[in-house]
PDB file of N, CA and C in Angstrom:
ATOM      1  N   MET A   1     -19.282   5.352  14.250  1.00  0.00           N
ATOM      2  CA  MET A   1     -18.086   5.092  13.307  1.00  0.00           C
ATOM      3  C   MET A   1     -16.825   5.896  13.668  1.00  0.00           C
ATOM      4  N   GLN A   2     -15.729   5.307  13.494  1.00  0.00           N
ATOM      5  CA  GLN A   2     -14.375   6.296  13.975  1.00  0.00           C
ATOM      6  C   GLN A   2     -14.043   7.093  12.781  1.00  0.00           C
ATOM      7  N   LEU A   3     -13.592   8.192  12.927  1.00  0.00           N
ATOM      8  CA  LEU A   3     -12.866   9.207  12.354  1.00  0.00           C
ATOM      9  C   LEU A   3     -11.632   8.730  11.243  1.00  0.00           C
ATOM     10  N   HIS A   4     -11.045   7.831  12.017  1.00  0.00           N
ATOM     11  CA  HIS A   4      -9.848   7.242  11.011  1.00  0.00           C
ATOM     12  C   HIS A   4     -10.441   6.439   9.922  1.00  0.00           C
ATOM     13  N   ALA A   5     -12.062   5.857   9.707  1.00  0.00           N
ATOM     14  CA  ALA A   5     -12.223   4.758   9.046  1.00  0.00           C
ATOM     15  C   ALA A   5     -13.384   5.394   8.034  1.00  0.00           C
ATOM     16  N   ALA A   6     -13.804   6.735   8.306  1.00  0.00           N
ATOM     17  CA  ALA A   6     -14.628   7.362   7.879  1.00  0.00           C
ATOM     18  C   ALA A   6     -14.334   7.594   6.582  1.00  0.00           C
ATOM     19  N   ARG A   7     -15.022   7.560   5.342  1.00  0.00           N
ATOM     20  CA  ARG A   7     -14.666   7.727   4.073  1.00  0.00           C
ATOM     21  C   ARG A   7     -16.132   8.873   3.337  1.00  0.00           C
ATOM     22  N   LEU A   8     -15.955  10.005   2.683  1.00  0.00           N
ATOM     23  CA  LEU A   8     -16.883  10.697   2.002  1.00  0.00           C
ATOM     24  C   LEU A   8     -16.823  10.463   0.464  1.00  0.00           C
ATOM     25  N   CYS A   9     -17.950  10.050   0.220  1.00  0.00           N
ATOM     26  CA  CYS A   9     -18.224   9.752  -1.448  1.00  0.00           C
ATOM     27  C   CYS A   9     -18.000  10.746  -2.395  1.00  0.00           C
ATOM     28  N   PHE A  10     -17.412  10.930  -3.302  1.00  0.00           N
ATOM     29  CA  PHE A  10     -17.527  12.008  -4.313  1.00  0.00           C
ATOM     30  C   PHE A  10     -18.829  12.110  -5.090  1.00  0.00           C
ATOM     31  N   ASN A  11     -19.317  11.252  -5.317  1.00  0.00           N
ATOM     32  CA  ASN A  11     -20.464  11.276  -6.103  1.00  0.00           C
ATOM     33  C   ASN A  11     -21.943  12.262  -5.225  1.00  0.00           C
ATOM     34  N   CYS A  12     -21.930  11.272  -4.340  1.00  0.00           N
ATOM     35  CA  CYS A  12     -23.286  11.497  -3.455  1.00  0.00           C
ATOM     36  C   CYS A  12     -22.978  12.114  -1.877  1.00  0.00           C
ATOM     37  N   GLU A  13     -21.941  12.778  -1.727  1.00  0.00           N
ATOM     38  CA  GLU A  13     -21.276  13.140  -0.559  1.00  0.00           C
ATOM     39  C   GLU A  13     -21.860  12.444   1.057  1.00  0.00           C
ATOM     40  N   GLU A  14     -21.883  11.337   0.763  1.00  0.00           N
ATOM     41  CA  GLU A  14     -22.247  10.278   1.711  1.00  0.00           C
ATOM     42  C   GLU A  14     -20.923   9.838   2.826  1.00  0.00           C
ATOM     43  N   VAL A  15     -21.335   9.826   4.193  1.00  0.00           N
ATOM     44  CA  VAL A  15     -20.124   9.292   4.891  1.00  0.00           C
ATOM     45  C   VAL A  15     -20.517   7.875   4.980  1.00  0.00           C
ATOM     46  N   HIS A  16     -19.283   7.054   4.802  1.00  0.00           N
ATOM     47  CA  HIS A  16     -19.712   5.744   4.899  1.00  0.00           C
ATOM     48  C   HIS A  16     -18.259   4.891   5.452  1.00  0.00           C
ATOM     49  N   ASP A  17     -18.130   3.690   5.526  1.00  0.00           N
ATOM     50  CA  ASP A  17     -16.891   2.920   5.951  1.00  0.00           C
ATOM     51  C   ASP A  17     -16.562   1.800   5.404  1.00  0.00           C
ATOM     52  N   GLN A  18     -17.216   1.692   4.060  1.00  0.00           N
ATOM     53  CA  GLN A  18     -17.438   0.589   3.387  1.00  0.00           C
ATOM     54  C   GLN A  18     -16.543   0.967   2.058  1.00  0.00           C
ATOM     55  N   PRO A  19     -15.744  -0.257   1.442  1.00  0.00           N
ATOM     56  CA  PRO A  19     -15.191  -0.213   0.278  1.00  0.00           C
ATOM     57  C   PRO A  19     -15.738   0.518  -1.027  1.00  0.00           C
ATOM     58  N   ALA A  20     -16.751   0.496  -1.116  1.00  0.00           N
ATOM     59  CA  ALA A  20     -17.720   1.099  -1.993  1.00  0.00           C
ATOM     60  C   ALA A  20     -19.042   1.607  -1.234  1.00  0.00           C
ATOM     61  N   CYS A  21     -19.705   2.737  -1.621  1.00  0.00           N
ATOM     62  CA  CYS A  21     -20.480   3.372  -1.212  1.00  0.00           C
ATOM     63  C   CYS A  21     -22.170   2.984  -1.204  1.00  0.00           C
ATOM     64  N   PRO A  22     -22.550   2.920   0.115  1.00  0.00           N
ATOM     65  CA  PRO A  22     -23.595   1.674   0.066  1.00  0.00           C
ATOM     66  C   PRO A  22     -24.940   2.554  -0.539  1.00  0.00           C
ATOM     67  N   ALA A  23     -24.841   3.907  -0.797  1.00  0.00           N
ATOM     68  CA  ALA A  23     -25.977   4.638  -1.499  1.00  0.00           C
ATOM     69  C   ALA A  23     -25.916   4.852  -2.961  1.00  0.00           C
ATOM     70  N   CYS A  24     -25.007   5.237  -3.593  1.00  0.00           N
ATOM     71  CA  CYS A  24     -24.617   5.093  -4.918  1.00  0.00           C
ATOM     72  C   CYS A  24     -24.087   4.129  -5.594  1.00  0.00           C
ATOM     73  N   GLY A  25     -22.903   3.200  -4.884  1.00  0.00           N
ATOM     74  CA  GLY A  25     -22.204   2.104  -5.291  1.00  0.00           C
ATOM     75  C   GLY A  25     -20.888   2.622  -5.915  1.00  0.00           C
ATOM     76  N   SER A  26     -20.864   4.033  -5.811  1.00  0.00           N
ATOM     77  CA  SER A  26     -19.609   4.293  -6.244  1.00  0.00           C
ATOM     78  C   SER A  26     -18.305   3.748  -5.606  1.00  0.00           C
ATOM     79  N   ASP A  27     -16.945   3.981  -6.171  1.00  0.00           N
ATOM     80  CA  ASP A  27     -15.925   3.498  -5.259  1.00  0.00           C
ATOM     81  C   ASP A  27     -15.086   4.837  -5.233  1.00  0.00           C
ATOM     82  N   SER A  28     -15.218   5.655  -5.357  1.00  0.00           N
ATOM     83  CA  SER A  28     -14.342   7.359  -5.237  1.00  0.00           C
ATOM     84  C   SER A  28     -15.014   7.861  -4.281  1.00  0.00           C
ATOM     85  N   PHE A  29     -13.595   7.916  -3.097  1.00  0.00           N
ATOM     86  CA  PHE A  29     -13.981   8.443  -2.081  1.00  0.00           C
ATOM     87  C   PHE A  29     -12.649   8.852  -1.327  1.00  0.00           C
ATOM     88  N   ALA A  30     -12.857   9.837  -0.575  1.00  0.00           N
ATOM     89  CA  ALA A  30     -11.892  10.569   0.565  1.00  0.00           C
ATOM     90  C   ALA A  30     -12.023  10.203   1.947  1.00  0.00           C
ATOM     91  N   TYR A  31     -10.620   9.912   2.751  1.00  0.00           N
ATOM     92  CA  TYR A  31     -10.826   9.590   4.045  1.00  0.00           C
ATOM     93  C   TYR A  31     -11.308  11.114   4.692  1.00  0.00           C
ATOM     94  N   LEU A  32     -11.826  11.154   5.611  1.00  0.00           N
ATOM     95  CA  LEU A  32     -12.265  12.485   6.241  1.00  0.00           C
ATOM     96  C   LEU A  32     -11.228  12.789   7.044  1.00  0.00           C
ATOM     97  N   SER A  33     -10.284  12.024   7.285  1.00  0.00           N
ATOM     98  CA  SER A  33      -9.234  12.372   8.134  1.00  0.00           C
ATOM     99  C   SER A  33      -8.196  13.249   7.600  1.00  0.00           C
ATOM    100  N   ARG A  34      -8.513  13.407   5.992  1.00  0.00           N
ATOM    101  CA  ARG A  34      -7.682  14.075   4.836  1.00  0.00           C
ATOM    102  C   ARG A  34      -8.186  15.612   5.469  1.00  0.00           C
ATOM    103  N   TRP A  35      -9.265  15.858   5.793  1.00  0.00           N
ATOM    104  CA  TRP A  35      -9.569  17.817   6.433  1.00  0.00           C
ATOM    105  C   TRP A  35      -9.651  17.565   8.004  1.00  0.00           C
ATOM    106  N   ILE A  36     -10.262  16.854   8.644  1.00  0.00           N
ATOM    107  CA  ILE A  36     -10.451  16.436  10.014  1.00  0.00           C
ATOM    108  C   ILE A  36      -9.445  16.095  10.825  1.00  0.00           C
ATOM    109  N   PRO A  37      -8.379  16.721  11.311  1.00  0.00           N
ATOM    110  CA  PRO A  37      -7.161  15.697  11.861  1.00  0.00           C
ATOM    111  C   PRO A  37      -7.834  14.709  13.204  1.00  0.00           C
ATOM    112  N   ALA A  38      -7.410  13.514  12.961  1.00  0.00           N
ATOM    113  CA  ALA A  38      -7.632  12.692  14.091  1.00  0.00           C
ATOM    114  C   ALA A  38      -7.115  12.731  15.282  1.00  0.00           C
ATOM    115  N   SER A  39      -7.795  12.802  16.627  1.00  0.00           N
ATOM    116  CA  SER A  39      -6.729  12.963  17.497  1.00  0.00           C
ATOM    117  C   SER A  39      -6.184  11.366  17.837  1.00  0.00           C
ATOM    118  N   GLU A  40      -5.147  11.527  18.642  1.00  0.00           N
ATOM    119  CA  GLU A  40      -4.382   9.869  18.726  1.00  0.00           C
ATOM    120  C   GLU A  40      -5.897   9.697  20.189  1.00  0.00           C
ATOM    121  N   ARG A  41      -5.623   8.582  19.889  1.00  0.00           N
ATOM    122  CA  ARG A  41      -6.971   7.458  20.833  1.00  0.00           C
ATOM    123  C   ARG A  41      -6.625   7.680  22.087  1.00  0.00           C
ATOM    124  N   PRO A  42      -7.271   7.829  22.905  1.00  0.00           N
ATOM    125  CA  PRO A  42      -6.872   8.223  24.533  1.00  0.00           C
ATOM    126  C   PRO A  42      -6.621   7.205  25.199  1.00  0.00           C
ATOM    127  N   ALA A  43      -5.624   7.265  25.800  1.00  0.00           N
ATOM    128  CA  ALA A  43      -4.852   6.518  26.738  1.00  0.00           C
ATOM    129  C   ALA A  43      -6.185   5.981  27.794  1.00  0.00           C
ATOM    130  N   ARG A  44      -6.092   4.671  27.774  1.00  0.00           N
ATOM    131  CA  ARG A  44      -6.948   3.961  28.975  1.00  0.00           C
ATOM    132  C   ARG A  44      -6.443   4.595  30.394  1.00  0.00           C
ATOM    133  N   VAL A  45      -7.045   4.747  31.244  1.00  0.00           N
ATOM    134  CA  VAL A  45      -6.810   5.318  32.728  1.00  0.00           C
ATOM    135  C   VAL A  45      -6.900   4.034  33.448  1.00  0.00           C
ATOM    136  N   ARG A  46      -5.666   3.835  33.888  1.00  0.00           N
ATOM    137  CA  ARG A  46      -5.471   2.466  34.763  1.00  0.00           C
ATOM    138  C   ARG A  46      -5.425   3.138  36.356  1.00  0.00           C
ATOM    139  N   GLU A  47      -6.768   2.504  37.047  1.00  0.00           N
ATOM    140  CA  GLU A  47      -6.283   2.683  38.457  1.00  0.00           C
ATOM    141  C   GLU A  47      -5.717   2.027  38.962  1.00  0.00           C
ATOM    142  N   ARG A  48      -5.221   2.882  40.051  1.00  0.00           N
ATOM    143  CA  ARG A  48      -4.229   2.433  41.083  1.00  0.00           C
ATOM    144  C   ARG A  48      -4.630   1.665  42.023  1.00  0.00           C
ATOM    145  N   PRO A  49      -4.124   0.561  42.251  1.00  0.00           N
ATOM    146  CA  PRO A  49      -4.179  -0.374  43.366  1.00  0.00           C
ATOM    147  C   PRO A  49      -4.437   0.320  44.919  1.00  0.00           C
ATOM    148  N   SER A  50      -4.959  -0.192  45.948  1.00  0.00           N
ATOM    149  CA  SER A  50      -5.324   0.222  46.952  1.00  0.00           C
ATOM    150  C   SER A  50      -4.004  -0.185  47.952  1.00  0.00           C
ATOM    151  N   PRO A  51      -3.572   0.720  48.781  1.00  0.00           N
ATOM    152  CA  PRO A  51      -2.188   0.584  49.877  1.00  0.00           C
ATOM    153  C   PRO A  51      -2.498  -0.968  50.475  1.00  0.00           C
ATOM    154  N   GLU A  52      -3.630  -1.203  50.681  1.00  0.00           N
ATOM    155  CA  GLU A  52      -3.951  -2.672  51.113  1.00  0.00           C
ATOM    156  C   GLU A  52      -3.922  -3.743  50.027  1.00  0.00           C
ATOM    157  N   THR A  53      -4.215  -3.655  48.681  1.00  0.00           N
ATOM    158  CA  THR A  53      -3.859  -4.663  47.703  1.00  0.00           C
ATOM    159  C   THR A  53      -2.744  -4.971  47.522  1.00  0.00           C
ATOM    160  N   ALA A  54      -1.718  -3.593  47.158  1.00  0.00           N
ATOM    161  CA  ALA A  54      -0.256  -3.591  47.021  1.00  0.00           C
ATOM    162  C   ALA A  54       0.283  -4.164  48.514  1.00  0.00           C
ATOM    163  N   GLU A  55       0.198  -3.963  49.204  1.00  0.00           N
ATOM    164  CA  GLU A  55       0.696  -4.728  50.471  1.00  0.00           C
ATOM    165  C   GLU A  55       0.721  -6.161  50.435  1.00  0.00           C
ATOM    166  N   THR A  56      -0.656  -6.355  50.141  1.00  0.00           N
ATOM    167  CA  THR A  56      -0.572  -8.322  49.882  1.00  0.00           C
ATOM    168  C   THR A  56       0.048  -8.865  48.750  1.00  0.00           C
ATOM    169  N   TYR A  57       0.068  -8.127  47.789  1.00  0.00           N
ATOM    170  CA  TYR A  57       1.085  -8.493  46.584  1.00  0.00           C
ATOM    171  C   TYR A  57       2.366  -8.314  47.183  1.00  0.00           C
ATOM    172  N   ARG A  58       3.053  -7.507  48.092  1.00  0.00           N
ATOM    173  CA  ARG A  58       4.161  -7.518  48.367  1.00  0.00           C
ATOM    174  C   ARG A  58       4.332  -8.632  49.146  1.00  0.00           C
ATOM    175  N   GLN A  59       3.738  -8.909  50.241  1.00  0.00           N
ATOM    176  CA  GLN A  59       3.608  -9.940  50.737  1.00  0.00           C
ATOM    177  C   GLN A  59       3.898 -11.586  50.321  1.00  0.00           C
ATOM    178  N   LEU A  60       2.775 -11.658  49.028  1.00  0.00           N
ATOM    179  CA  LEU A  60       2.907 -12.738  48.416  1.00  0.00           C
ATOM    180  C   LEU A  60       4.060 -12.673  47.568  1.00  0.00           C
ATOM    181  N   LEU A  61       5.028 -11.776  47.082  1.00  0.00           N
ATOM    182  CA  LEU A  61       6.063 -11.919  46.027  1.00  0.00           C
ATOM    183  C   LEU A  61       7.441 -12.130  47.278  1.00  0.00           C
ATOM    184  N   ASP A  62       7.042 -11.687  48.181  1.00  0.00           N
ATOM    185  CA  ASP A  62       8.236 -11.659  49.523  1.00  0.00           C
ATOM    186  C   ASP A  62       8.368 -13.395  49.813  1.00  0.00           C
ATOM    187  N   ALA A  63       6.937 -14.052  50.100  1.00  0.00           N
ATOM    188  CA  ALA A  63       6.882 -15.147  50.120  1.00  0.00           C
ATOM    189  C   ALA A  63       7.452 -16.482  48.914  1.00  0.00           C
ATOM    190  N   THR A  64       7.351 -16.215  47.904  1.00  0.00           N
ATOM    191  CA  THR A  64       7.577 -16.934  46.728  1.00  0.00           C
ATOM    192  C   THR A  64       9.075 -16.647  46.520  1.00  0.00           C
ATOM    193  N   HIS A  65       9.730 -15.909  46.893  1.00  0.00           N
ATOM    194  CA  HIS A  65      10.982 -15.796  46.408  1.00  0.00           C
ATOM    195  C   HIS A  65      11.807 -16.307  47.715  1.00  0.00           C
ATOM    196  N   ALA A  66      11.529 -16.024  49.004  1.00  0.00           N
ATOM    197  CA  ALA A  66      12.008 -16.660  50.316  1.00  0.00           C
ATOM    198  C   ALA A  66      12.213 -17.629  50.332  1.00  0.00           C
ATOM    199  N   THR A  67      13.103 -19.054  50.166  1.00  0.00           N
ATOM    200  CA  THR A  67      12.880 -20.378  50.635  1.00  0.00           C
ATOM    201  C   THR A  67      13.176 -20.562  51.959  1.00  0.00           C
ATOM    202  N   SER A  68      12.984 -21.690  52.570  1.00  0.00           N
ATOM    203  CA  SER A  68      13.034 -22.070  53.849  1.00  0.00           C
ATOM    204  C   SER A  68      14.359 -22.982  54.195  1.00  0.00           C
ATOM    205  N   GLY A  69      14.747 -22.905  55.352  1.00  0.00           N
ATOM    206  CA  GLY A  69      16.050 -23.474  55.324  1.00  0.00           C
ATOM    207  C   GLY A  69      15.820 -24.852  54.728  1.00  0.00           C
ATOM    208  N   LYS A  70      14.521 -25.417  55.344  1.00  0.00           N
ATOM    209  CA  LYS A  70      14.297 -26.852  54.974  1.00  0.00           C
ATOM    210  C   LYS A  70      13.943 -27.023  53.212  1.00  0.00           C
ATOM    211  N   GLY A  71      13.780 -26.424  52.663  1.00  0.00           N
ATOM    212  CA  GLY A  71      13.272 -26.209  51.137  1.00  0.00           C
ATOM    213  C   GLY A  71      14.732 -26.375  50.718  1.00  0.00           C
ATOM    214  N   ARG A  72      15.644 -25.576  50.996  1.00  0.00           N
ATOM    215  CA  ARG A  72      16.883 -25.218  50.391  1.00  0.00           C
ATOM    216  C   ARG A  72      17.797 -26.645  50.504  1.00  0.00           C
ATOM    217  N   TRP A  73      17.872 -27.122  51.764  1.00  0.00           N
ATOM    218  CA  TRP A  73      18.270 -28.321  52.040  1.00  0.00           C
ATOM    219  C   TRP A  73      17.338 -29.551  50.822  1.00  0.00           C
ATOM    220  N   MET A  74      16.429 -29.596  50.929  1.00  0.00           N
ATOM    221  CA  MET A  74      15.764 -30.593  50.011  1.00  0.00           C
ATOM    222  C   MET A  74      16.154 -30.671  48.870  1.00  0.00           C
ATOM    223  N   LYS A  75      16.309 -29.237  48.205  1.00  0.00           N
ATOM    224  CA  LYS A  75      16.820 -29.291  47.022  1.00  0.00           C
ATOM    225  C   LYS A  75      18.254 -29.815  46.724  1.00  0.00           C
ATOM    226  N   ARG A  76      19.106 -29.456  47.448  1.00  0.00           N
ATOM    227  CA  ARG A  76      20.540 -29.780  47.618  1.00  0.00           C
ATOM    228  C   ARG A  76      20.589 -31.352  47.811  1.00  0.00           C
ATOM    229  N   GLY A  77      19.634 -31.697  48.321  1.00  0.00           N
ATOM    230  CA  GLY A  77      19.608 -33.549  48.533  1.00  0.00           C
ATOM    231  C   GLY A  77      19.579 -34.162  47.280  1.00  0.00           C
ATOM    232  N   ILE A  78      18.265 -33.706  46.507  1.00  0.00           N
ATOM    233  CA  ILE A  78      17.795 -33.992  45.821  1.00  0.00           C
ATOM    234  C   ILE A  78      18.769 -33.688  44.433  1.00  0.00           C
ATOM    235  N   VAL A  79      19.307 -32.848  44.440  1.00  0.00           N
ATOM    236  CA  VAL A  79      20.562 -32.380  43.323  1.00  0.00           C
ATOM    237  C   VAL A  79      21.982 -33.402  43.675  1.00  0.00           C
ATOM    238  N   GLY A  80      22.203 -33.712  44.734  1.00  0.00           N
ATOM    239  CA  GLY A  80      23.255 -34.565  45.681  1.00  0.00           C
ATOM    240  C   GLY A  80      22.804 -35.995  44.970  1.00  0.00           C
ATOM    241  N   LEU A  81      21.476 -36.873  45.001  1.00  0.00           N
ATOM    242  CA  LEU A  81      21.142 -37.670  44.882  1.00  0.00           C
ATOM    243  C   LEU A  81      21.311 -37.884  43.336  1.00  0.00           C
ATOM    244  N   ALA A  82      20.908 -36.980  42.797  1.00  0.00           N
ATOM    245  CA  ALA A  82      20.915 -37.161  41.224  1.00  0.00           C
ATOM    246  C   ALA A  82      22.288 -37.164  40.469  1.00  0.00           C
ATOM    247  N   ALA A  83      23.171 -36.541  41.152  1.00  0.00           N
ATOM    248  CA  ALA A  83      24.750 -36.280  41.050  1.00  0.00           C
ATOM    249  C   ALA A  83      25.274 -38.190  41.253  1.00  0.00           C
ATOM    250  N   ILE A  84      24.977 -38.398  42.576  1.00  0.00           N
ATOM    251  CA  ILE A  84      25.604 -39.989  42.898  1.00  0.00           C
ATOM    252  C   ILE A  84      24.626 -41.026  41.439  1.00  0.00           C
ATOM    253  N   GLY A  85      23.659 -40.819  41.598  1.00  0.00           N
ATOM    254  CA  GLY A  85      23.028 -41.769  40.569  1.00  0.00           C
ATOM    255  C   GLY A  85      23.873 -41.800  39.044  1.00  0.00           C
ATOM    256  N   MET A  86      23.783 -40.544  39.108  1.00  0.00           N
ATOM    257  CA  MET A  86      24.504 -40.837  37.367  1.00  0.00           C
ATOM    258  C   MET A  86      25.977 -41.062  37.680  1.00  0.00           C
ATOM    259  N   ALA A  87      26.832 -40.799  38.109  1.00  0.00           N
ATOM    260  CA  ALA A  87      27.852 -40.940  38.808  1.00  0.00           C
ATOM    261  C   ALA A  87      28.031 -42.509  39.100  1.00  0.00           C
ATOM    262  N   GLY A  88      26.767 -43.359  39.579  1.00  0.00           N
ATOM    263  CA  GLY A  88      26.726 -44.971  39.676  1.00  0.00           C
ATOM    264  C   GLY A  88      26.603 -45.198  38.104  1.00  0.00           C
ATOM    265  N   TRP A  89      25.709 -44.627  37.727  1.00  0.00           N
ATOM    266  CA  TRP A  89      25.254 -45.189  35.992  1.00  0.00           C
ATOM    267  C   TRP A  89      26.826 -45.494  35.206  1.00  0.00           C
ATOM    268  N   ALA A  90      27.761 -44.248  35.271  1.00  0.00           N
ATOM    269  CA  ALA A  90      28.663 -44.112  34.414  1.00  0.00           C
ATOM    270  C   ALA A  90      29.909 -45.171  34.792  1.00  0.00           C
ATOM    271  N   TRP A  91      29.990 -45.232  36.192  1.00  0.00           N
ATOM    272  CA  TRP A  91      30.596 -46.171  36.345  1.00  0.00           C
ATOM    273  C   TRP A  91      30.401 -47.688  36.185  1.00  0.00           C
ATOM    274  N   ARG A  92      28.714 -47.738  36.166  1.00  0.00           N
ATOM    275  CA  ARG A  92      28.687 -49.409  35.639  1.00  0.00           C
ATOM    276  C   ARG A  92      28.748 -49.389  34.260  1.00  0.00           C
ATOM    277  N   ARG A  93      28.614 -48.564  33.494  1.00  0.00           N
ATOM    278  CA  ARG A  93      28.940 -48.459  31.784  1.00  0.00           C
ATOM    279  C   ARG A  93      30.115 -48.839  31.476  1.00  0.00           C
ATOM    280  N   SER A  94      30.940 -48.252  32.468  1.00  0.00           N
ATOM    281  CA  SER A  94      32.600 -48.108  32.269  1.00  0.00           C
ATOM    282  C   SER A  94      33.232 -49.478  32.588  1.00  0.00           C
ATOM    283  N   ALA A  95      32.497 -50.104  33.684  1.00  0.00           N
ATOM    284  CA  ALA A  95      32.806 -51.122  34.029  1.00  0.00           C
ATOM    285  C   ALA A  95      32.617 -52.431  33.226  1.00  0.00           C
ATOM    286  N   SER A  96      31.337 -52.155  32.716  1.00  0.00           N
ATOM    287  CA  SER A  96      30.724 -53.311  31.948  1.00  0.00           C
ATOM    288  C   SER A  96      31.811 -53.288  30.040  1.00  0.00           C
ATOM    289  N   LYS A  97      32.119 -52.007  29.581  1.00  0.00           N
ATOM    290  CA  LYS A  97      32.823 -52.219  28.661  1.00  0.00           C
ATOM    291  C   LYS A  97      34.241 -52.745  28.912  1.00  0.00           C
ATOM    292  N   GLU A  98      34.642 -52.658  30.158  1.00  0.00           N
ATOM    293  CA  GLU A  98      35.979 -53.277  29.955  1.00  0.00           C
ATOM    294  C   GLU A  98      36.124 -54.936  30.340  1.00  0.00           C
TER     295      GLU A  98
END
């Protein structure tokens, strides 16, 4: 039972964590944290990655962000084709309205 949820029954002095005392059924209680200060929950200690693992992550991130020249030209080509296609579509629309 955690201290911040522990309750002391005023009638039978039973410690519980339910809305009513399970021993006597009374609903008059006080939280134990009123008299006993509950410390903050301890922070979880994270393990530091090994230098090898950290270096592997760095290499993966660098590979993800660095684009090759071939990939860059491929993206530019796709954008160019899309622009030409949209211009052709707009030109045909305006020609059909006239």
